[in-house]
Amino acid sequence: MNKRLLNILKYVIFLGGGAFLVWWQFHQMTADQEKKFIYAITHAKYWVLIPVIIMALASHLSRSIRWRILIEPLGYKPSIFNTFCATMVGYLANSFLPRLGEIIKCTMLGKYEKIPAQKLIGTIVVERIFDIICYIIFIIITVLIQYKRVGDFASERVKAINQHGVVPLWVKLLILTACILLLIFILRWMYKKYDQSRVVQKIKSFTSGIAEGIATVKKLKNRGWFIFHTVFIWSMYLMQIYVGFIAVSEVSHLSLAAACGVLTLATLAMIVTPNGLGTFPAAVFLVLQLYNVDNVIGEAFGWLMWGTTTFIILFFGSLFFLLMVLVNNKKTRETNKLNPV
């Protein structure tokens, strides 16, 4: 099958899945739940979204500066303005067609900063590898700080199915250790037995890519600033959720640990469907179940945060696309006047 056709088909499937989740979430609501949902949305403190938007833009600016740090070793020093605008345009393009954003942001920055686009794509690969590493670390931290709550929630669900009691902690740890060792054994066996397999090659490529990403960061001149911006980006992501809790009174009491849980699953949701359509609100209310938040309220909060994120991408992505084109075209005209052919 044609590769382009396959990519379009995958996009349609995931978009259709997101649309189905939207329909399902609203279709399964009772009349009382619909009233509760509408009340939560209409009575939300929308002024809270102003600092949320500011933090989102700050994280995007920080991401563009971090990208600039990766570009500098190539011998180029693009302006922060153009790097930031290209980053926002990339987010905008990804909302319509996943992965298209990386190509467009590289093409636009390359055009206005006279940098070969293929060189920029290499920096995007390193950036994505490091993002995966950060996400894995964040998941581990989230699980560790909420181990008891997650464990209690799981135990309650097990009790609902099996009334024989709670599995002892040492048994849980033993099972977890056995699963990890089994996974390591299976991977090592696969590497040896199916060394030429396409799946194994992809797994090897993924793990070697992570190692390459770490090695690249070690070689950076501004390694400290790269790490600072990485921490800042994820801190802003987390604070958007935490401050966003204030907007809906029923979840305003939730802690930073709850925000960690929401961010962990919501990030995955943004990957599963285009811009998290349908999956983002579902992920939010699933996490908020751990904190005994009503499903409808959890969905309302999820839709509020998803709407804010989508507004930022669509509005500011379009705005900075126009600004990037206008400002750089003006510079080109002025340069041509000073240096006529």
Protein backbone atom coordinates (compact mmCIF):
# COMPACT_ATOMS: atom_id res chain seq x y z
CA MET A 1 0.00 0.00 0.00
CA ASN A 2 1.20 3.52 -0.83
CA LYS A 3 2.94 5.01 2.24
CA ARG A 4 1.10 8.33 1.94
CA LEU A 5 -2.24 6.55 1.63
CA LEU A 6 -1.39 4.44 4.68
CA ASN A 7 -0.58 7.56 6.74
CA ILE A 8 -3.88 9.18 5.68
CA LEU A 9 -5.75 6.00 6.57
CA LYS A 10 -4.13 5.89 10.03
CA TYR A 11 -5.03 9.53 10.59
CA VAL A 12 -8.66 8.93 9.55
CA ILE A 13 -8.89 5.90 11.87
CA PHE A 14 -7.50 7.77 14.89
CA LEU A 15 -9.60 10.85 14.11
CA GLY A 16 -12.66 8.62 13.78
CA GLY A 17 -11.79 7.00 17.11
CA GLY A 18 -11.59 10.42 18.74
CA ALA A 19 -14.91 11.48 17.23
CA PHE A 20 -16.51 8.24 18.48
CA LEU A 21 -15.24 8.92 22.01
CA VAL A 22 -16.77 12.41 21.88
CA TRP A 23 -20.11 10.93 20.82
CA TRP A 24 -19.90 8.14 23.42
CA GLN A 25 -19.06 10.48 26.31
CA PHE A 26 -22.11 12.66 25.67
CA HIS A 27 -24.46 9.91 24.48
CA GLN A 28 -24.10 7.85 27.69
CA MET A 29 -25.01 10.80 29.92
CA THR A 30 -28.41 10.82 31.62
CA ALA A 31 -30.53 13.99 31.74
CA ASP A 32 -29.31 14.73 35.28
CA GLN A 33 -25.69 14.22 34.26
CA GLU A 34 -26.13 16.56 31.31
CA LYS A 35 -27.46 19.24 33.65
CA LYS A 36 -24.52 18.71 35.99
CA PHE A 37 -22.07 18.90 33.07
CA ILE A 38 -23.60 22.12 31.71
CA TYR A 39 -23.66 23.65 35.21
CA ALA A 40 -19.97 22.85 35.76
CA ILE A 41 -19.00 24.36 32.39
CA THR A 42 -21.17 27.50 32.66
CA HIS A 43 -20.17 28.22 36.27
CA ALA A 44 -16.44 27.69 35.77
CA LYS A 45 -14.09 30.51 36.78
CA TYR A 46 -12.90 31.43 33.31
CA TRP A 47 -10.50 34.10 34.56
CA VAL A 48 -8.34 31.21 35.80
CA LEU A 49 -7.68 30.29 32.17
CA ILE A 50 -5.67 33.51 31.67
CA PRO A 51 -2.68 32.32 33.77
CA VAL A 52 -3.11 28.86 32.20
CA ILE A 53 -2.73 30.40 28.72
CA ILE A 54 0.31 32.43 29.87
CA MET A 55 1.98 29.30 31.27
CA ALA A 56 1.23 27.38 28.06
CA LEU A 57 2.84 30.10 25.93
CA ALA A 58 5.80 30.23 28.33
CA SER A 59 6.32 26.48 27.90
CA HIS A 60 6.16 26.84 24.10
CA LEU A 61 8.67 29.71 24.21
CA SER A 62 10.96 27.63 26.43
CA ARG A 63 10.65 24.72 23.99
CA SER A 64 11.64 26.97 21.08
CA ILE A 65 14.71 28.22 23.00
CA ARG A 66 15.66 24.62 23.79
CA TRP A 67 15.35 23.80 20.09
CA ARG A 68 17.62 26.75 19.31
CA ILE A 69 20.24 25.30 21.69
CA LEU A 70 20.16 22.07 19.66
CA ILE A 71 20.56 24.00 16.39
CA GLU A 72 23.57 26.09 17.48
CA PRO A 73 26.13 23.22 17.28
CA LEU A 74 25.23 22.97 13.57
CA GLY A 75 26.76 26.43 13.05
CA TYR A 76 23.51 28.42 12.92
CA LYS A 77 21.96 30.84 15.40
CA PRO A 78 18.33 31.53 14.39
CA SER A 79 16.41 34.34 16.07
CA ILE A 80 14.24 33.46 19.04
CA PHE A 81 11.30 35.13 17.27
CA ASN A 82 11.52 32.90 14.21
CA THR A 83 12.20 29.78 16.28
CA PHE A 84 9.18 30.48 18.50
CA CYS A 85 6.90 31.24 15.54
CA ALA A 86 7.99 28.05 13.76
CA THR A 87 7.31 26.04 16.93
CA MET A 88 3.77 27.44 17.19
CA VAL A 89 3.12 26.78 13.50
CA GLY A 90 4.29 23.20 14.06
CA TYR A 91 1.72 22.73 16.82
CA LEU A 92 -0.96 24.17 14.54
CA ALA A 93 -0.10 21.79 11.70
CA ASN A 94 0.01 18.78 14.03
CA SER A 95 -3.60 19.51 15.04
CA PHE A 96 -4.69 18.63 11.52
CA LEU A 97 -2.16 16.01 10.51
CA PRO A 98 0.20 14.40 13.06
CA ARG A 99 3.95 14.65 12.26
CA LEU A 100 3.26 17.24 9.55
CA GLY A 101 4.10 19.92 12.12
CA GLU A 102 7.73 18.78 12.44
CA ILE A 103 8.24 19.05 8.69
CA ILE A 104 6.53 22.45 8.40
CA LYS A 105 8.35 24.02 11.36
CA CYS A 106 11.70 22.89 9.93
CA THR A 107 10.78 24.10 6.45
CA MET A 108 9.64 27.54 7.65
CA LEU A 109 12.59 28.13 9.96
CA GLY A 110 14.97 26.87 7.29
CA LYS A 111 13.46 29.24 4.73
CA TYR A 112 13.73 32.40 6.81
CA GLU A 113 17.01 31.57 8.60
CA LYS A 114 18.74 30.01 5.57
CA ILE A 115 19.24 26.64 7.28
CA PRO A 116 18.94 23.33 5.36
CA ALA A 117 15.68 21.73 6.48
CA GLN A 118 17.21 18.25 6.61
CA LYS A 119 19.66 19.41 9.27
CA LEU A 120 16.80 20.78 11.35
CA ILE A 121 14.90 17.50 11.13
CA GLY A 122 17.84 15.80 12.84
CA THR A 123 17.49 18.16 15.81
CA ILE A 124 13.76 17.36 16.02
CA VAL A 125 14.56 13.64 16.28
CA VAL A 126 16.93 14.31 19.21
CA GLU A 127 14.32 16.56 20.84
CA ARG A 128 11.61 13.89 20.57
CA ILE A 129 13.90 11.21 21.98
CA PHE A 130 14.65 13.40 24.98
CA ASP A 131 10.93 14.14 25.42
CA ILE A 132 10.24 10.39 25.58
CA ILE A 133 12.93 10.01 28.25
CA CYS A 134 11.40 12.88 30.26
CA TYR A 135 7.91 11.42 29.92
CA ILE A 136 9.06 8.01 31.17
CA ILE A 137 10.78 9.66 34.16
CA PHE A 138 7.63 11.69 34.86
CA ILE A 139 5.47 8.53 34.80
CA ILE A 140 7.79 6.84 37.29
CA ILE A 141 7.71 9.86 39.62
CA THR A 142 3.90 10.08 39.34
CA VAL A 143 3.47 6.40 40.24
CA LEU A 144 5.90 6.65 43.17
CA ILE A 145 4.26 9.69 44.77
CA GLN A 146 0.78 8.20 44.37
CA TYR A 147 1.58 4.55 44.99
CA LYS A 148 -0.72 4.21 48.00
CA ARG A 149 -3.68 5.91 46.32
CA VAL A 150 -3.31 3.94 43.10
CA GLY A 151 -2.84 0.74 45.11
CA ASP A 152 -5.94 1.41 47.22
CA PHE A 153 -7.98 2.21 44.11
CA ALA A 154 -6.84 -1.02 42.44
CA SER A 155 -7.56 -3.00 45.61
CA GLU A 156 -11.09 -1.62 45.76
CA ARG A 157 -11.67 -2.68 42.17
CA VAL A 158 -10.29 -6.14 42.91
CA LYS A 159 -12.52 -6.42 45.97
CA ALA A 160 -15.54 -5.58 43.84
CA ILE A 161 -14.73 -8.61 41.70
CA ASN A 162 -13.29 -10.92 44.32
CA GLN A 163 -14.43 -10.74 47.95
CA HIS A 164 -11.60 -12.91 49.28
CA GLY A 165 -9.53 -9.98 50.52
CA VAL A 166 -6.60 -7.80 49.52
CA VAL A 167 -3.42 -9.27 48.05
CA PRO A 168 -0.50 -8.70 50.48
CA LEU A 169 2.05 -6.01 49.52
CA TRP A 170 4.96 -8.48 49.34
CA VAL A 171 3.01 -10.59 46.82
CA LYS A 172 2.38 -7.50 44.66
CA LEU A 173 6.09 -6.62 44.70
CA LEU A 174 7.04 -10.20 43.91
CA ILE A 175 4.65 -10.30 40.94
CA LEU A 176 5.93 -6.92 39.69
CA THR A 177 9.58 -8.06 39.95
CA ALA A 178 8.76 -11.33 38.16
CA CYS A 179 7.02 -9.42 35.34
CA ILE A 180 10.01 -7.09 34.89
CA LEU A 181 12.48 -10.01 34.83
CA LEU A 182 10.25 -11.91 32.40
CA LEU A 183 10.09 -8.88 30.11
CA ILE A 184 13.89 -8.53 30.14
CA PHE A 185 14.28 -12.26 29.42
CA ILE A 186 11.79 -12.10 26.51
CA LEU A 187 13.52 -9.06 24.98
CA ARG A 188 16.97 -10.67 25.20
CA TRP A 189 15.59 -13.89 23.69
CA MET A 190 13.94 -11.92 20.86
CA TYR A 191 17.18 -10.05 20.15
CA LYS A 192 19.04 -13.33 19.69
CA LYS A 193 16.35 -15.43 18.03
CA TYR A 194 14.86 -12.82 15.69
CA ASP A 195 17.80 -10.48 15.18
CA GLN A 196 16.72 -9.67 11.61
CA SER A 197 13.04 -9.24 12.45
CA ARG A 198 11.49 -5.88 11.57
CA VAL A 199 9.89 -5.54 15.02
CA VAL A 200 13.16 -6.34 16.81
CA GLN A 201 15.02 -3.89 14.61
CA LYS A 202 12.53 -1.17 15.56
CA ILE A 203 12.93 -1.94 19.27
CA LYS A 204 16.71 -1.81 18.90
CA SER A 205 16.45 1.43 16.96
CA PHE A 206 14.25 2.92 19.68
CA THR A 207 16.61 1.97 22.53
CA SER A 208 19.74 3.05 20.62
CA GLY A 209 17.97 6.31 19.74
CA ILE A 210 17.41 7.04 23.43
CA ALA A 211 21.11 6.39 24.11
CA GLU A 212 22.03 8.66 21.19
CA GLY A 213 19.76 11.40 22.54
CA ILE A 214 21.46 11.28 25.95
CA ALA A 215 24.90 11.34 24.30
CA THR A 216 23.93 14.38 22.21
CA VAL A 217 22.92 16.36 25.30
CA LYS A 218 26.32 15.61 26.87
CA LYS A 219 28.03 17.23 23.87
CA LEU A 220 25.98 20.44 23.99
CA LYS A 221 27.77 23.67 24.90
CA ASN A 222 24.73 24.96 26.78
CA ARG A 223 23.90 21.65 28.44
CA GLY A 224 22.80 23.34 31.67
CA TRP A 225 20.34 25.61 29.89
CA PHE A 226 19.02 22.66 27.86
CA ILE A 227 18.24 20.76 31.06
CA PHE A 228 16.79 23.90 32.67
CA HIS A 229 14.36 24.46 29.77
CA THR A 230 13.38 20.78 29.79
CA VAL A 231 12.48 20.96 33.49
CA PHE A 232 10.73 24.31 32.97
CA ILE A 233 8.61 22.96 30.08
CA TRP A 234 7.31 20.03 32.12
CA SER A 235 6.82 22.26 35.18
CA MET A 236 4.61 24.56 33.13
CA TYR A 237 2.64 21.61 31.78
CA LEU A 238 2.04 20.45 35.35
CA MET A 239 1.14 23.91 36.69
CA GLN A 240 -1.43 24.42 33.92
CA ILE A 241 -3.38 21.44 35.27
CA TYR A 242 -2.87 22.40 38.92
CA VAL A 243 -3.98 26.03 38.43
CA GLY A 244 -6.75 24.83 36.11
CA PHE A 245 -8.29 22.90 39.03
CA ILE A 246 -9.31 26.25 40.52
CA ALA A 247 -11.64 26.89 37.57
CA VAL A 248 -14.08 24.15 38.64
CA SER A 249 -15.08 24.32 42.31
CA GLU A 250 -15.64 20.54 42.62
CA VAL A 251 -11.96 19.84 41.79
CA SER A 252 -10.37 22.99 43.24
CA HIS A 253 -9.24 21.06 46.34
CA LEU A 254 -7.09 18.60 44.39
CA SER A 255 -3.35 18.48 45.03
CA LEU A 256 -0.25 18.73 42.86
CA ALA A 257 -0.04 14.92 42.97
CA ALA A 258 -3.45 14.73 41.29
CA ALA A 259 -2.21 17.15 38.62
CA CYS A 260 0.73 14.77 38.01
CA GLY A 261 -1.69 11.91 37.40
CA VAL A 262 -3.85 13.96 35.03
CA LEU A 263 -0.84 15.20 33.06
CA THR A 264 0.59 11.68 32.71
CA LEU A 265 -2.53 10.19 31.13
CA ALA A 266 -3.55 13.38 29.27
CA THR A 267 -0.14 13.49 27.53
CA LEU A 268 -0.72 9.96 26.27
CA ALA A 269 -4.21 10.98 25.12
CA MET A 270 -2.72 13.81 23.02
CA ILE A 271 -0.66 11.20 21.18
CA VAL A 272 -3.45 8.67 20.61
CA THR A 273 -5.84 10.95 18.66
CA PRO A 274 -5.20 14.21 16.75
CA ASN A 275 -4.83 16.95 19.38
CA GLY A 276 -6.35 14.60 21.99
CA LEU A 277 -9.83 14.78 20.46
CA GLY A 278 -12.15 12.71 22.67
CA THR A 279 -9.29 10.97 24.50
CA PHE A 280 -8.11 13.98 26.54
CA PRO A 281 -11.36 14.50 28.53
CA ALA A 282 -11.76 10.73 28.94
CA ALA A 283 -8.21 10.44 30.32
CA VAL A 284 -8.85 13.28 32.76
CA PHE A 285 -12.03 11.83 34.29
CA LEU A 286 -10.43 8.38 34.52
CA VAL A 287 -7.60 9.81 36.64
CA LEU A 288 -9.96 11.95 38.72
CA GLN A 289 -11.87 8.79 39.68
CA LEU A 290 -8.90 8.06 41.95
CA TYR A 291 -9.87 11.17 43.91
CA ASN A 292 -13.58 10.31 44.10
CA VAL A 293 -14.53 13.05 41.65
CA ASP A 294 -17.84 12.52 39.89
CA ASN A 295 -17.31 11.29 36.32
CA VAL A 296 -19.39 14.09 34.82
CA ILE A 297 -17.42 16.75 36.73
CA GLY A 298 -14.19 15.06 35.62
CA GLU A 299 -15.37 15.15 32.01
CA ALA A 300 -16.40 18.80 32.33
CA PHE A 301 -12.96 19.73 33.66
CA GLY A 302 -11.34 17.64 30.92
CA TRP A 303 -13.29 19.39 28.18
CA LEU A 304 -12.50 22.79 29.72
CA MET A 305 -8.76 22.11 29.69
CA TRP A 306 -8.87 20.51 26.24
CA GLY A 307 -10.79 23.51 24.88
CA THR A 308 -8.21 25.88 26.35
CA THR A 309 -5.30 23.91 24.87
CA THR A 310 -6.99 23.74 21.46
CA PHE A 311 -7.74 27.48 21.53
CA ILE A 312 -4.07 28.26 22.28
CA ILE A 313 -2.87 26.10 19.39
CA LEU A 314 -5.41 27.32 16.82
CA PHE A 315 -5.43 31.01 17.74
CA PHE A 316 -1.78 31.62 18.59
CA GLY A 317 -0.54 29.16 15.97
CA SER A 318 -2.41 31.11 13.26
CA LEU A 319 -1.35 34.47 14.75
CA PHE A 320 2.35 33.64 14.85
CA PHE A 321 2.22 32.11 11.38
CA LEU A 322 0.99 35.45 10.02
CA LEU A 323 3.51 37.40 12.09
CA MET A 324 6.38 35.20 10.92
CA VAL A 325 5.48 35.67 7.26
CA LEU A 326 4.83 39.43 7.55
CA VAL A 327 7.92 40.28 9.61
CA ASN A 328 10.31 38.21 7.51
CA ASN A 329 8.86 39.41 4.20
CA LYS A 330 9.30 42.99 5.43
CA LYS A 331 12.94 42.27 6.32
CA THR A 332 13.49 40.76 2.87
CA ARG A 333 12.05 43.85 1.15
CA GLU A 334 14.20 46.17 3.24
CA THR A 335 17.30 44.09 2.50
CA ASN A 336 16.52 44.16 -1.21
CA LYS A 337 16.21 47.99 -1.11
CA LEU A 338 19.59 48.34 0.61
CA ASN A 339 21.24 45.82 -1.70
CA PRO A 340 19.60 46.15 -5.13
CA VAL A 341 20.76 43.70 -7.73
